[in-house]
Amino acid sequence: MDSKERLTQLCEAVIESHGFSDEYRKRLTLEIKAVDDFNEYDYFIDLHDRGVKIDKNENNLLIVYLLGICSDYDSCQSPVYIYGEFPDLDLDYTKDVRLYLKDEWAPKAFGVDNVCNIGSYNTFGIKSSLIDMAKVFGVDRDEVLNVTTKLGLKDDEGKTLTWERALELNKDLAEYCNKHPDVAKAAKRMLNRIRSRGKHAGGLIISRIPIADLVPLCTDSDGNPVSAWTEGLHAQDLQPVGLVKYDVLGLTNLEQIARCVKMIKERHNIQVCALPGRESWSDTSYLNDTKALALANQGKLRCVFQFDSAGMRELVKRGGVHSFDDLAAYTALYRPGPLGCLAAGTVVCTALGGVSIEKLLSWEHHIAYVKRNGSMAYSKRFLLKRTGRKKMLRITTKSGKIITCSVDHEFLSNDLQFTSANLLKIGVKIGSRADA
């Protein structure tokens, strides 16, 4: 019995024994789907098996109520099982400027205790675990390299390669493991464990309070603070404690531009600026050039880096641009995480009162927002984008050709009729290339 089946049976048994209504079963189905999306079955089962008790059901989950983890549950309220992500802020500089900002400016401006780098962790894969364990047991390195160089990251079905599948697909690997069982046993145990620690090249955390009060810190080889959990802290792990990641990036293209400008100045004694008549390219008044802002407000941003997508251009056009800072904000907000911050059914405060996000209309509703001075205002400039996972099917033809498609993808069958993928049956002939 797998984790999903066991979790479902545990919850359904309580529903049955207590005689709960069908509404509970519908709610359970909804939550099981959410757990499936996050692949967190083992988390809830572990809490149940260890007899963990939590005072408050903050997410109002039926699952934790049925498992006896929490004693409170409100069937009239929706569950809260999707959290939005903070937008990360990407800033591009030349490499020397990036190092200065990260190592000198930020610690001085915000305080050494309020700034840290982001720890990164590398884990053992099949290749690295075999190579390292061969070294530990004194087995010839060339022998293990001859085997591991043939290993890929995916199996023949495009899935992540597992230890068992690797042995099935690679006879040389199977023979090597039979010849060196100690190496194989140790290598298998090391899989997915942390192998080494480093730090994100451009990632920086800036907090208003000492970061050590929120997460553990370690130091890098230069003595700079780096975020760390016992099991390894990545950038996405910082969000639950309320920290925002800044990517201070070193862009090679900026260095090329800077070198070109320097050469022009030195060789021709010409000042370079984005606008005519200005003294230097360092003049930033062009950022709020009225003609450029007018083009942005019309959504005319094709071929502009970070704005060359229909969705982004539509967001800018509908939201409006008053300054260059608005454009920077759009690039941070138009990402999968921020776009998915609000789950379906979320009630949004508008000038007409609370309205479900699914019923918001840009031409009718004015949504509330908090201004920088703390006062509340209303705006009808917003973009509502619905997100969600789409189910996919994998179809295997008689010749072994694998076709991955959506459930509603239509195929031309041998009776010259189009049929949705989810309605295809074994034996039906579909139109395809000759090699399929």
Protein backbone atom coordinates (compact mmCIF):
# COMPACT_ATOMS: atom_id res chain seq x y z
CA MET A 1 0.00 0.00 0.00
CA ASP A 2 1.51 3.34 -1.03
CA SER A 3 1.36 6.54 1.04
CA LYS A 4 -1.53 8.06 -0.91
CA GLU A 5 -3.69 4.95 -0.51
CA ARG A 6 -2.95 4.67 3.21
CA LEU A 7 -3.69 8.35 3.89
CA THR A 8 -6.98 8.09 1.98
CA GLN A 9 -8.02 4.93 3.82
CA LEU A 10 -7.22 6.41 7.24
CA CYS A 11 -9.37 9.46 6.54
CA GLU A 12 -12.23 7.56 4.92
CA ALA A 13 -12.38 5.16 7.86
CA VAL A 14 -13.03 8.08 10.24
CA ILE A 15 -15.69 9.54 7.93
CA GLU A 16 -17.40 6.13 7.81
CA SER A 17 -17.22 5.47 11.56
CA HIS A 18 -18.57 8.92 12.46
CA GLY A 19 -21.27 8.90 9.79
CA PHE A 20 -20.14 12.18 8.25
CA SER A 21 -22.05 13.51 5.22
CA ASP A 22 -21.01 13.33 1.58
CA GLU A 23 -19.78 16.93 1.87
CA TYR A 24 -16.91 15.61 3.99
CA ARG A 25 -16.02 13.10 1.27
CA LYS A 26 -16.02 15.85 -1.36
CA ARG A 27 -13.82 18.02 0.85
CA LEU A 28 -11.47 15.07 1.46
CA THR A 29 -11.16 14.51 -2.30
CA LEU A 30 -10.27 18.18 -2.76
CA GLU A 31 -7.59 18.10 -0.08
CA ILE A 32 -6.14 14.78 -1.24
CA LYS A 33 -5.66 16.35 -4.67
CA ALA A 34 -3.83 19.29 -3.09
CA VAL A 35 -1.61 16.91 -1.10
CA ASP A 36 -0.94 15.04 -4.34
CA ASP A 37 0.16 18.26 -6.06
CA PHE A 38 2.73 18.86 -3.32
CA ASN A 39 3.55 15.13 -2.82
CA GLU A 40 3.24 15.43 0.97
CA TYR A 41 1.48 12.17 1.90
CA ASP A 42 4.35 10.97 4.09
CA TYR A 43 4.30 14.25 6.04
CA PHE A 44 0.72 13.75 7.28
CA ILE A 45 1.17 10.01 7.84
CA ASP A 46 4.29 10.67 9.93
CA LEU A 47 2.40 13.17 12.13
CA HIS A 48 -0.37 10.60 12.60
CA ASP A 49 1.96 7.69 13.40
CA ARG A 50 3.92 9.74 15.94
CA GLY A 51 0.73 10.90 17.62
CA VAL A 52 1.52 14.58 17.11
CA LYS A 53 -1.13 16.98 18.46
CA ILE A 54 -1.47 20.60 17.31
CA ASP A 55 -3.63 23.10 19.18
CA LYS A 56 -4.96 25.12 16.24
CA ASN A 57 -5.94 24.01 12.75
CA GLU A 58 -4.57 27.17 11.12
CA ASN A 59 -5.10 25.88 7.58
CA ASN A 60 -8.57 24.50 8.39
CA LEU A 61 -7.68 21.13 6.85
CA LEU A 62 -10.12 18.25 7.12
CA ILE A 63 -7.26 15.77 6.78
CA VAL A 64 -5.53 16.79 10.03
CA TYR A 65 -8.90 16.71 11.79
CA LEU A 66 -9.68 13.19 10.58
CA LEU A 67 -6.19 11.99 11.51
CA GLY A 68 -6.65 13.33 15.05
CA ILE A 69 -3.80 15.83 14.74
CA CYS A 70 -6.14 18.78 15.44
CA SER A 71 -9.46 18.78 17.27
CA ASP A 72 -10.93 21.86 15.57
CA TYR A 73 -12.33 22.12 12.04
CA ASP A 74 -14.86 24.44 10.40
CA SER A 75 -16.72 22.74 7.55
CA CYS A 76 -18.13 26.11 6.41
CA GLN A 77 -14.70 27.58 5.68
CA SER A 78 -12.42 26.78 2.75
CA PRO A 79 -9.03 25.12 3.31
CA VAL A 80 -5.84 27.13 2.98
CA TYR A 81 -3.32 24.81 1.43
CA ILE A 82 -1.70 27.03 -1.20
CA TYR A 83 0.76 29.72 -0.19
CA GLY A 84 1.95 32.40 -2.56
CA GLU A 85 5.61 33.14 -3.04
CA PHE A 86 7.35 36.41 -2.41
CA PRO A 87 8.63 37.98 -5.63
CA ASP A 88 12.41 37.72 -5.83
CA LEU A 89 14.18 40.87 -6.98
CA ASP A 90 16.68 40.54 -9.83
CA LEU A 91 19.20 43.36 -10.29
CA ASP A 92 21.87 43.32 -13.02
CA TYR A 93 25.32 44.89 -12.58
CA THR A 94 28.85 44.42 -13.81
CA LYS A 95 30.69 41.80 -11.77
CA ASP A 96 32.90 44.23 -9.89
CA VAL A 97 29.88 46.34 -8.90
CA ARG A 98 28.02 43.21 -7.80
CA LEU A 99 30.86 42.16 -5.50
CA TYR A 100 31.02 45.65 -4.01
CA LEU A 101 27.26 45.75 -3.36
CA LYS A 102 27.16 42.28 -1.79
CA ASP A 103 30.34 42.35 0.25
CA GLU A 104 30.69 46.02 1.22
CA TRP A 105 27.70 48.26 0.54
CA ALA A 106 24.83 46.08 1.78
CA PRO A 107 26.44 45.12 5.14
CA LYS A 108 27.28 48.79 5.82
CA ALA A 109 23.89 50.12 4.70
CA PHE A 110 21.68 47.59 6.51
CA GLY A 111 23.97 46.17 9.18
CA VAL A 112 26.15 43.07 9.11
CA ASP A 113 23.64 41.07 11.15
CA ASN A 114 20.80 41.90 8.75
CA VAL A 115 22.49 40.69 5.56
CA CYS A 116 23.56 37.22 4.47
CA ASN A 117 24.28 35.13 1.39
CA ILE A 118 22.17 32.11 0.43
CA GLY A 119 23.50 28.63 1.10
CA SER A 120 23.33 26.03 -1.67
CA TYR A 121 23.72 22.28 -1.30
CA ASN A 122 24.73 19.55 -3.71
CA THR A 123 23.46 16.02 -3.11
CA PHE A 124 24.76 12.61 -4.12
CA GLY A 125 23.48 11.19 -7.39
CA ILE A 126 24.14 7.72 -8.76
CA LYS A 127 27.35 8.77 -10.51
CA SER A 128 28.88 10.80 -7.70
CA SER A 129 28.01 8.27 -5.00
CA LEU A 130 29.61 5.40 -6.96
CA ILE A 131 32.76 7.42 -7.72
CA ASP A 132 33.19 8.64 -4.12
CA MET A 133 32.50 5.22 -2.55
CA ALA A 134 34.93 3.55 -4.94
CA LYS A 135 37.56 5.95 -3.63
CA VAL A 136 36.61 5.14 -0.02
CA PHE A 137 36.99 1.39 -0.61
CA GLY A 138 40.16 1.77 -2.66
CA VAL A 139 38.65 0.46 -5.91
CA ASP A 140 40.26 1.50 -9.19
CA ARG A 141 38.88 4.90 -10.29
CA ASP A 142 39.16 4.19 -14.01
CA GLU A 143 36.96 1.13 -13.62
CA VAL A 144 34.08 3.03 -12.04
CA LEU A 145 34.45 5.92 -14.51
CA ASN A 146 34.08 3.52 -17.44
CA VAL A 147 30.71 2.51 -15.99
CA THR A 148 29.36 5.88 -14.81
CA THR A 149 30.14 7.79 -18.02
CA LYS A 150 27.37 5.79 -19.69
CA LEU A 151 24.74 6.84 -17.14
CA GLY A 152 22.29 9.64 -17.88
CA LEU A 153 19.93 11.56 -15.61
CA LYS A 154 16.75 10.12 -17.18
CA ASP A 155 15.57 6.62 -17.99
CA ASP A 156 14.19 5.45 -21.35
CA GLU A 157 10.74 6.88 -20.45
CA GLY A 158 12.06 10.32 -19.61
CA LYS A 159 11.68 9.85 -15.84
CA THR A 160 14.37 10.55 -13.26
CA LEU A 161 16.76 7.63 -13.25
CA THR A 162 16.48 5.51 -10.08
CA TRP A 163 19.06 3.07 -8.74
CA GLU A 164 16.95 0.01 -9.63
CA ARG A 165 16.19 1.31 -13.12
CA ALA A 166 19.86 2.12 -13.72
CA LEU A 167 20.79 -1.51 -12.96
CA GLU A 168 18.13 -2.74 -15.37
CA LEU A 169 19.22 -0.51 -18.22
CA ASN A 170 22.98 -0.79 -17.78
CA LYS A 171 24.44 -4.33 -17.69
CA ASP A 172 27.96 -3.00 -17.08
CA LEU A 173 26.73 -1.20 -13.96
CA ALA A 174 24.97 -4.33 -12.71
CA GLU A 175 28.15 -6.36 -13.23
CA TYR A 176 30.23 -3.72 -11.45
CA CYS A 177 27.88 -3.73 -8.44
CA ASN A 178 27.99 -7.53 -8.27
CA LYS A 179 31.78 -7.41 -8.42
CA HIS A 180 32.04 -4.68 -5.74
CA PRO A 181 29.04 -5.19 -3.43
CA ASP A 182 30.50 -3.01 -0.65
CA VAL A 183 30.85 -0.06 -3.02
CA ALA A 184 27.34 -0.60 -4.38
CA LYS A 185 25.75 -0.89 -0.93
CA ALA A 186 27.47 2.25 0.35
CA ALA A 187 26.73 4.20 -2.85
CA LYS A 188 23.02 3.36 -2.67
CA ARG A 189 22.85 4.55 0.95
CA MET A 190 24.49 7.85 0.03
CA LEU A 191 21.91 8.73 -2.66
CA ASN A 192 20.23 12.15 -2.16
CA ARG A 193 22.35 12.95 0.91
CA ILE A 194 24.19 16.25 1.05
CA ARG A 195 27.59 15.99 -0.61
CA SER A 196 28.89 19.55 -0.45
CA ARG A 197 27.94 23.08 0.54
CA GLY A 198 28.35 26.31 -1.36
CA LYS A 199 26.58 29.61 -1.78
CA HIS A 200 24.38 31.20 -4.40
CA ALA A 201 26.51 33.34 -6.73
CA GLY A 202 24.18 36.34 -6.73
CA GLY A 203 21.62 35.62 -4.00
CA LEU A 204 21.42 38.03 -1.09
CA ILE A 205 19.03 38.29 1.86
CA ILE A 206 18.36 41.69 3.46
CA SER A 207 16.24 41.77 6.61
CA ARG A 208 15.05 44.50 8.97
CA ILE A 209 16.03 42.34 11.98
CA PRO A 210 19.07 40.11 12.65
CA ILE A 211 18.77 37.12 10.34
CA ALA A 212 20.26 34.81 12.97
CA ASP A 213 17.02 35.31 14.94
CA LEU A 214 15.12 33.67 12.07
CA VAL A 215 17.39 31.03 10.52
CA PRO A 216 20.72 29.40 11.42
CA LEU A 217 23.81 30.91 9.82
CA CYS A 218 27.24 29.58 8.92
CA THR A 219 30.21 31.34 7.30
CA ASP A 220 31.88 30.91 3.92
CA SER A 221 35.61 30.77 3.25
CA ASP A 222 35.77 34.59 3.32
CA GLY A 223 33.97 34.83 6.67
CA ASN A 224 30.68 36.12 5.23
CA PRO A 225 27.42 34.88 6.78
CA VAL A 226 25.51 32.28 4.76
CA SER A 227 22.05 30.90 5.51
CA ALA A 228 21.92 27.22 6.53
CA TRP A 229 19.61 24.54 7.91
CA THR A 230 20.95 21.30 9.34
CA GLU A 231 19.74 19.53 6.20
CA GLY A 232 20.49 22.38 3.81
CA LEU A 233 18.66 25.65 3.21
CA HIS A 234 17.89 26.79 -0.30
CA ALA A 235 16.44 30.07 -1.54
CA GLN A 236 12.87 28.75 -1.62
CA ASP A 237 13.17 27.61 2.02
CA LEU A 238 13.65 31.21 3.14
CA GLN A 239 10.15 32.29 2.13
CA PRO A 240 8.17 30.58 4.94
CA VAL A 241 10.03 32.69 7.50
CA GLY A 242 9.25 35.91 5.60
CA LEU A 243 12.57 36.62 3.88
CA VAL A 244 12.84 37.97 0.34
CA LYS A 245 15.66 36.93 -2.00
CA TYR A 246 17.57 39.56 -3.97
CA ASP A 247 19.49 38.32 -7.01
CA VAL A 248 22.40 40.70 -7.46
CA LEU A 249 23.55 39.39 -10.83
CA GLY A 250 26.75 40.01 -12.73
CA LEU A 251 25.74 40.42 -16.36
CA THR A 252 28.44 39.92 -18.99
CA ASN A 253 26.57 42.10 -21.48
CA LEU A 254 26.81 45.07 -19.11
CA GLU A 255 30.57 44.63 -18.93
CA GLN A 256 30.76 44.61 -22.73
CA ILE A 257 28.71 47.82 -22.90
CA ALA A 258 30.87 49.45 -20.22
CA ARG A 259 34.09 48.53 -22.06
CA CYS A 260 32.72 49.90 -25.33
CA VAL A 261 31.76 53.18 -23.66
CA LYS A 262 35.18 53.45 -22.03
CA MET A 263 36.95 52.86 -25.37
CA ILE A 264 34.80 55.48 -27.12
CA LYS A 265 35.54 58.05 -24.43
CA GLU A 266 39.29 57.36 -24.44
CA ARG A 267 39.79 57.17 -28.22
CA HIS A 268 37.37 59.79 -29.49
CA ASN A 269 36.75 61.96 -26.43
CA ILE A 270 32.99 61.51 -26.93
CA GLN A 271 30.51 61.47 -24.08
CA VAL A 272 28.01 58.60 -24.40
CA CYS A 273 24.42 58.97 -23.23
CA ALA A 274 21.05 57.44 -24.10
CA LEU A 275 19.65 60.90 -24.89
CA PRO A 276 21.27 63.54 -27.09
CA GLY A 277 22.78 66.59 -25.48
CA ARG A 278 23.51 64.94 -22.13
CA GLU A 279 27.01 64.85 -20.68
CA SER A 280 27.49 61.23 -19.67
CA TRP A 281 25.94 57.80 -20.02
CA SER A 282 25.73 57.71 -16.22
CA ASP A 283 22.95 60.33 -16.39
CA THR A 284 19.84 58.39 -15.31
CA SER A 285 17.19 60.96 -16.20
CA TYR A 286 16.50 58.99 -19.38
CA LEU A 287 14.94 56.24 -17.24
CA ASN A 288 11.72 58.23 -17.06
CA ASP A 289 11.80 59.42 -20.66
CA THR A 290 8.24 60.39 -21.55
CA LYS A 291 8.35 58.83 -25.04
CA ALA A 292 9.62 55.52 -23.65
CA LEU A 293 6.95 55.46 -20.94
CA ALA A 294 4.28 56.22 -23.53
CA LEU A 295 5.37 53.21 -25.60
CA ALA A 296 5.30 51.03 -22.49
CA ASN A 297 1.76 52.16 -21.63
CA GLN A 298 0.69 51.09 -25.13
CA GLY A 299 2.25 47.67 -24.58
CA LYS A 300 4.78 48.22 -27.38
CA LEU A 301 7.58 46.25 -25.74
CA ARG A 302 8.39 43.56 -28.28
CA CYS A 303 12.03 42.41 -28.28
CA VAL A 304 12.63 44.17 -24.94
CA PHE A 305 14.34 41.82 -22.48
CA GLN A 306 11.89 40.36 -19.90
CA PHE A 307 8.93 41.94 -21.72
CA ASP A 308 8.89 39.90 -24.92
CA SER A 309 5.77 37.88 -24.08
CA ALA A 310 2.12 38.62 -24.78
CA GLY A 311 1.13 38.11 -21.14
CA MET A 312 3.75 40.51 -19.82
CA ARG A 313 2.92 43.19 -22.37
CA GLU A 314 -0.78 42.89 -21.56
CA LEU A 315 -0.02 43.22 -17.83
CA VAL A 316 1.99 46.41 -18.41
CA LYS A 317 -0.63 47.85 -20.76
CA ARG A 318 -3.50 47.23 -18.33
CA GLY A 319 -1.59 48.19 -15.19
CA GLY A 320 -0.01 51.34 -16.56
CA VAL A 321 3.52 52.75 -16.29
CA HIS A 322 4.28 56.02 -14.53
CA SER A 323 8.02 55.55 -14.00
CA PHE A 324 10.88 53.17 -14.72
CA ASP A 325 10.36 51.66 -11.25
CA ASP A 326 6.95 50.39 -12.40
CA LEU A 327 8.65 48.34 -15.11
CA ALA A 328 11.03 46.83 -12.57
CA ALA A 329 8.05 45.86 -10.40
CA TYR A 330 6.30 44.16 -13.33
CA THR A 331 9.31 41.93 -13.99
CA ALA A 332 9.28 40.79 -10.35
CA LEU A 333 5.52 40.19 -10.24
CA TYR A 334 5.08 38.41 -13.57
CA ARG A 335 6.40 35.07 -12.36
CA PRO A 336 4.67 31.75 -11.58
CA GLY A 337 4.98 32.24 -7.83
CA PRO A 338 3.57 35.76 -7.46
CA LEU A 339 0.93 35.11 -10.13
CA GLY A 340 -0.29 32.14 -8.12
CA CYS A 341 -0.39 33.91 -4.76
CA LEU A 342 -4.19 33.90 -4.50
CA ALA A 343 -6.04 30.60 -4.62
CA ALA A 344 -9.46 30.16 -6.22
CA GLY A 345 -12.23 31.31 -3.88
CA THR A 346 -10.07 33.94 -2.19
CA VAL A 347 -12.16 36.96 -1.18
CA VAL A 348 -10.72 40.28 -2.32
CA CYS A 349 -11.65 43.61 -0.75
CA THR A 350 -13.18 45.99 -3.29
CA ALA A 351 -15.01 49.32 -3.19
CA LEU A 352 -18.26 47.31 -3.30
CA GLY A 353 -17.23 44.96 -0.49
CA GLY A 354 -15.70 41.48 -0.47
CA VAL A 355 -15.76 39.73 -3.85
CA SER A 356 -14.50 36.24 -4.74
CA ILE A 357 -11.42 36.48 -6.95
CA GLU A 358 -13.17 34.27 -9.50
CA LYS A 359 -15.86 36.94 -9.95
CA LEU A 360 -13.61 39.98 -10.23
CA LEU A 361 -14.25 42.15 -13.29
CA SER A 362 -11.65 44.75 -14.28
CA TRP A 363 -14.32 47.01 -15.83
CA GLU A 364 -16.56 46.92 -12.77
CA HIS A 365 -14.59 46.37 -9.57
CA HIS A 366 -12.04 48.61 -7.89
CA ILE A 367 -9.77 46.49 -5.68
CA ALA A 368 -8.33 47.85 -2.45
CA TYR A 369 -4.62 48.24 -1.85
CA VAL A 370 -2.44 49.88 0.79
CA LYS A 371 -0.38 52.88 -0.29
CA ARG A 372 3.15 53.54 0.92
CA ASN A 373 1.91 55.99 3.55
CA GLY A 374 -0.34 53.29 5.01
CA SER A 375 -3.64 54.66 3.69
CA MET A 376 -6.03 52.56 1.62
CA ALA A 377 -6.93 53.31 -1.98
CA TYR A 378 -8.79 51.58 -4.81
CA SER A 379 -7.81 50.76 -8.38
CA LYS A 380 -9.36 48.95 -11.33
CA ARG A 381 -5.96 48.40 -12.91
CA PHE A 382 -5.29 44.72 -12.28
CA LEU A 383 -4.79 41.54 -14.27
CA LEU A 384 -6.53 38.35 -13.18
CA LYS A 385 -4.66 35.28 -14.37
CA ARG A 386 -5.88 31.77 -13.59
CA THR A 387 -3.20 29.12 -13.13
CA GLY A 388 -3.25 25.39 -12.42
CA ARG A 389 -1.80 22.08 -13.44
CA LYS A 390 -2.97 20.43 -16.62
CA LYS A 391 -3.24 16.65 -16.80
CA MET A 392 -1.12 14.96 -19.43
CA LEU A 393 -1.28 11.54 -21.07
CA ARG A 394 1.49 9.32 -22.40
CA ILE A 395 0.46 7.25 -25.42
CA THR A 396 2.66 4.37 -26.63
CA THR A 397 2.22 3.16 -30.23
CA LYS A 398 2.71 -0.42 -31.37
CA SER A 399 6.22 0.38 -32.59
CA GLY A 400 7.17 1.78 -29.19
CA LYS A 401 6.88 5.47 -30.09
CA ILE A 402 5.88 7.55 -27.02
CA ILE A 403 3.60 10.57 -27.47
CA THR A 404 2.99 12.96 -24.56
CA CYS A 405 -0.08 15.18 -24.92
CA SER A 406 -2.94 16.86 -23.06
CA VAL A 407 -6.11 14.89 -22.32
CA ASP A 408 -8.12 16.90 -24.84
CA HIS A 409 -5.56 16.68 -27.66
CA GLU A 410 -7.29 15.37 -30.80
CA PHE A 411 -5.88 12.57 -32.98
CA LEU A 412 -7.01 11.58 -36.47
CA SER A 413 -8.04 7.93 -36.38
CA ASN A 414 -8.27 5.43 -39.23
CA ASP A 415 -12.00 6.17 -39.67
CA LEU A 416 -11.05 9.78 -40.56
CA GLN A 417 -12.58 11.09 -37.32
CA PHE A 418 -10.86 13.24 -34.70
CA THR A 419 -10.84 11.69 -31.22
CA SER A 420 -9.66 13.21 -27.91
CA ALA A 421 -6.65 11.49 -26.35
CA ASN A 422 -8.57 10.47 -23.23
CA LEU A 423 -11.14 8.63 -25.40
CA LEU A 424 -8.63 6.57 -27.38
CA LYS A 425 -8.74 2.82 -26.86
CA ILE A 426 -6.17 0.08 -27.35
CA GLY A 427 -6.18 -1.07 -30.96
CA VAL A 428 -7.29 2.23 -32.49
CA LYS A 429 -5.06 3.39 -35.33
CA ILE A 430 -4.06 7.05 -35.22
CA GLY A 431 -2.39 9.28 -37.77
CA SER A 432 1.34 9.75 -37.17
CA ARG A 433 4.66 10.00 -38.96
CA ALA A 434 5.93 6.92 -40.79
CA ASP A 435 8.63 6.28 -38.16
CA ALA A 436 6.03 6.11 -35.34
